[in-house]
Amino acid sequence: MTHLVAMAIVITTTLAGCGVETATTAATVAAARKQELEQGKKQLDQVKQRIETAMEESRQRSRRTEAASQ
């Protein structure tokens, strides 16, 4: 009977350890995904800003060209 109790304790401890490892891994993956999303958003914002700048420069060139042709 003592061996059964000892074996049950070992099995329970082992399975509990797996659960902790799984939870830790999930938390680590979630943190990595969050960081990837934040970096992606930052890059998207930078690209939007570059596009807006390019469009404004294009409008200014068009106005200058239009003004020079009059």
N, C-alpha and C. Protein backbone atom coordinates (compact mmCIF):
# COMPACT_ATOMS: atom_id res chain seq x y z
N MET A 1 0.81 -1.19 0.00
CA MET A 1 0.00 0.00 0.00
C MET A 1 0.86 1.26 0.00
N THR A 2 1.97 1.25 0.73
CA THR A 2 2.85 2.41 0.80
C THR A 2 3.45 2.71 -0.57
N HIS A 3 3.74 1.65 -1.31
CA HIS A 3 4.29 1.84 -2.66
C HIS A 3 3.28 2.51 -3.57
N LEU A 4 2.02 2.17 -3.41
CA LEU A 4 0.97 2.79 -4.22
C LEU A 4 0.84 4.28 -3.90
N VAL A 5 0.91 4.62 -2.65
CA VAL A 5 0.83 6.02 -2.25
C VAL A 5 2.04 6.78 -2.78
N ALA A 6 3.21 6.21 -2.65
CA ALA A 6 4.43 6.84 -3.15
C ALA A 6 4.35 7.01 -4.67
N MET A 7 3.86 6.00 -5.35
CA MET A 7 3.74 6.08 -6.81
C MET A 7 2.72 7.15 -7.20
N ALA A 8 1.62 7.23 -6.47
CA ALA A 8 0.60 8.24 -6.75
C ALA A 8 1.17 9.63 -6.55
N ILE A 9 1.97 9.81 -5.51
CA ILE A 9 2.60 11.11 -5.25
C ILE A 9 3.56 11.47 -6.38
N VAL A 10 4.36 10.50 -6.82
CA VAL A 10 5.31 10.75 -7.91
C VAL A 10 4.57 11.10 -9.20
N ILE A 11 3.54 10.36 -9.51
CA ILE A 11 2.77 10.63 -10.74
C ILE A 11 2.10 11.99 -10.65
N THR A 12 1.49 12.31 -9.53
CA THR A 12 0.82 13.60 -9.36
C THR A 12 1.82 14.74 -9.47
N THR A 13 2.97 14.60 -8.85
CA THR A 13 4.01 15.64 -8.91
C THR A 13 4.50 15.81 -10.34
N THR A 14 4.71 14.72 -11.04
CA THR A 14 5.17 14.78 -12.42
C THR A 14 4.15 15.48 -13.31
N LEU A 15 2.89 15.09 -13.17
CA LEU A 15 1.85 15.72 -13.99
C LEU A 15 1.66 17.19 -13.64
N ALA A 16 1.76 17.51 -12.37
CA ALA A 16 1.65 18.91 -11.97
C ALA A 16 2.80 19.72 -12.56
N GLY A 17 3.98 19.13 -12.59
CA GLY A 17 5.14 19.80 -13.20
C GLY A 17 4.92 20.06 -14.67
N CYS A 18 4.32 19.12 -15.35
CA CYS A 18 4.02 19.30 -16.78
C CYS A 18 3.04 20.44 -16.97
N GLY A 19 2.06 20.52 -16.08
CA GLY A 19 1.09 21.61 -16.17
C GLY A 19 1.74 22.96 -15.98
N VAL A 20 2.65 23.05 -15.05
CA VAL A 20 3.35 24.31 -14.79
C VAL A 20 4.20 24.67 -16.00
N GLU A 21 4.89 23.68 -16.55
CA GLU A 21 5.74 23.93 -17.72
C GLU A 21 4.88 24.38 -18.90
N THR A 22 3.73 23.74 -19.09
CA THR A 22 2.84 24.11 -20.18
C THR A 22 2.33 25.54 -20.00
N ALA A 23 1.95 25.89 -18.77
CA ALA A 23 1.46 27.24 -18.50
C ALA A 23 2.56 28.27 -18.72
N THR A 24 3.77 27.94 -18.29
CA THR A 24 4.91 28.85 -18.49
C THR A 24 5.19 29.04 -19.96
N THR A 25 5.17 27.95 -20.71
CA THR A 25 5.40 28.02 -22.15
C THR A 25 4.32 28.86 -22.83
N ALA A 26 3.07 28.65 -22.44
CA ALA A 26 1.97 29.43 -23.02
C ALA A 26 2.13 30.92 -22.71
N ALA A 27 2.54 31.23 -21.50
CA ALA A 27 2.74 32.64 -21.13
C ALA A 27 3.88 33.25 -21.93
N THR A 28 4.94 32.48 -22.12
CA THR A 28 6.09 32.96 -22.89
C THR A 28 5.69 33.22 -24.34
N VAL A 29 4.94 32.28 -24.92
CA VAL A 29 4.48 32.44 -26.30
C VAL A 29 3.56 33.64 -26.42
N ALA A 30 2.68 33.81 -25.46
CA ALA A 30 1.76 34.95 -25.49
C ALA A 30 2.53 36.27 -25.41
N ALA A 31 3.54 36.33 -24.58
CA ALA A 31 4.34 37.55 -24.47
C ALA A 31 5.09 37.83 -25.77
N ALA A 32 5.59 36.78 -26.40
CA ALA A 32 6.29 36.95 -27.67
C ALA A 32 5.33 37.44 -28.75
N ARG A 33 4.14 36.88 -28.78
CA ARG A 33 3.12 37.31 -29.77
C ARG A 33 2.74 38.77 -29.55
N LYS A 34 2.59 39.15 -28.28
CA LYS A 34 2.24 40.53 -27.97
C LYS A 34 3.33 41.47 -28.48
N GLN A 35 4.58 41.09 -28.26
CA GLN A 35 5.69 41.92 -28.72
C GLN A 35 5.71 42.00 -30.25
N GLU A 36 5.44 40.87 -30.92
CA GLU A 36 5.38 40.87 -32.38
C GLU A 36 4.28 41.80 -32.88
N LEU A 37 3.12 41.75 -32.23
CA LEU A 37 2.01 42.63 -32.62
C LEU A 37 2.37 44.10 -32.43
N GLU A 38 3.00 44.41 -31.32
CA GLU A 38 3.41 45.80 -31.06
C GLU A 38 4.41 46.28 -32.10
N GLN A 39 5.36 45.41 -32.45
CA GLN A 39 6.35 45.78 -33.47
C GLN A 39 5.68 45.95 -34.83
N GLY A 40 4.73 45.07 -35.14
CA GLY A 40 4.00 45.18 -36.40
C GLY A 40 3.21 46.47 -36.48
N LYS A 41 2.57 46.85 -35.38
CA LYS A 41 1.81 48.09 -35.35
C LYS A 41 2.74 49.29 -35.53
N LYS A 42 3.89 49.23 -34.89
CA LYS A 42 4.86 50.32 -35.01
C LYS A 42 5.33 50.45 -36.47
N GLN A 43 5.62 49.32 -37.10
CA GLN A 43 6.05 49.34 -38.50
C GLN A 43 4.94 49.87 -39.39
N LEU A 44 3.70 49.46 -39.13
CA LEU A 44 2.57 49.94 -39.92
C LEU A 44 2.43 51.44 -39.79
N ASP A 45 2.56 51.96 -38.58
CA ASP A 45 2.48 53.41 -38.37
C ASP A 45 3.59 54.14 -39.12
N GLN A 46 4.80 53.57 -39.12
CA GLN A 46 5.92 54.18 -39.84
C GLN A 46 5.66 54.19 -41.34
N VAL A 47 5.13 53.11 -41.86
CA VAL A 47 4.84 53.04 -43.30
C VAL A 47 3.75 54.04 -43.67
N LYS A 48 2.71 54.14 -42.83
CA LYS A 48 1.65 55.12 -43.09
C LYS A 48 2.22 56.53 -43.13
N GLN A 49 3.11 56.83 -42.20
CA GLN A 49 3.72 58.16 -42.16
C GLN A 49 4.54 58.42 -43.41
N ARG A 50 5.30 57.43 -43.85
CA ARG A 50 6.10 57.59 -45.08
C ARG A 50 5.20 57.82 -46.28
N ILE A 51 4.09 57.10 -46.35
CA ILE A 51 3.16 57.26 -47.47
C ILE A 51 2.56 58.66 -47.45
N GLU A 52 2.14 59.12 -46.27
CA GLU A 52 1.58 60.47 -46.15
C GLU A 52 2.61 61.52 -46.57
N THR A 53 3.85 61.35 -46.15
CA THR A 53 4.92 62.28 -46.52
C THR A 53 5.12 62.28 -48.03
N ALA A 54 5.17 61.10 -48.63
CA ALA A 54 5.37 60.99 -50.08
C ALA A 54 4.21 61.63 -50.83
N MET A 55 3.00 61.42 -50.34
CA MET A 55 1.83 62.02 -51.01
C MET A 55 1.87 63.54 -50.92
N GLU A 56 2.24 64.06 -49.77
CA GLU A 56 2.33 65.51 -49.61
C GLU A 56 3.41 66.09 -50.52
N GLU A 57 4.56 65.41 -50.60
CA GLU A 57 5.62 65.87 -51.50
C GLU A 57 5.15 65.85 -52.94
N SER A 58 4.40 64.84 -53.31
CA SER A 58 3.87 64.75 -54.68
C SER A 58 2.89 65.89 -54.95
N ARG A 59 2.03 66.20 -53.99
CA ARG A 59 1.09 67.31 -54.16
C ARG A 59 1.84 68.64 -54.33
N GLN A 60 2.88 68.81 -53.54
CA GLN A 60 3.66 70.05 -53.64
C GLN A 60 4.34 70.16 -54.99
N ARG A 61 4.89 69.05 -55.49
CA ARG A 61 5.52 69.08 -56.83
C ARG A 61 4.48 69.42 -57.90
N SER A 62 3.30 68.84 -57.77
CA SER A 62 2.22 69.12 -58.74
C SER A 62 1.86 70.60 -58.71
N ARG A 63 1.75 71.17 -57.51
CA ARG A 63 1.41 72.60 -57.41
C ARG A 63 2.50 73.46 -58.02
N ARG A 64 3.77 73.10 -57.76
CA ARG A 64 4.87 73.88 -58.33
C ARG A 64 4.87 73.79 -59.86
N THR A 65 4.65 72.59 -60.36
CA THR A 65 4.63 72.41 -61.81
C THR A 65 3.47 73.18 -62.42
N GLU A 66 2.32 73.11 -61.76
CA GLU A 66 1.15 73.83 -62.25
C GLU A 66 1.40 75.34 -62.22
N ALA A 67 2.00 75.82 -61.15
CA ALA A 67 2.28 77.25 -61.03
C ALA A 67 3.30 77.71 -62.06
N ALA A 68 4.28 76.86 -62.34
CA ALA A 68 5.32 77.23 -63.30
C ALA A 68 4.77 77.24 -64.73
N SER A 69 3.76 76.46 -65.00
CA SER A 69 3.21 76.40 -66.37
C SER A 69 2.24 77.52 -66.65
N GLN A 70 1.86 78.30 -65.63
CA GLN A 70 0.90 79.39 -65.86
C GLN A 70 1.58 80.67 -66.17
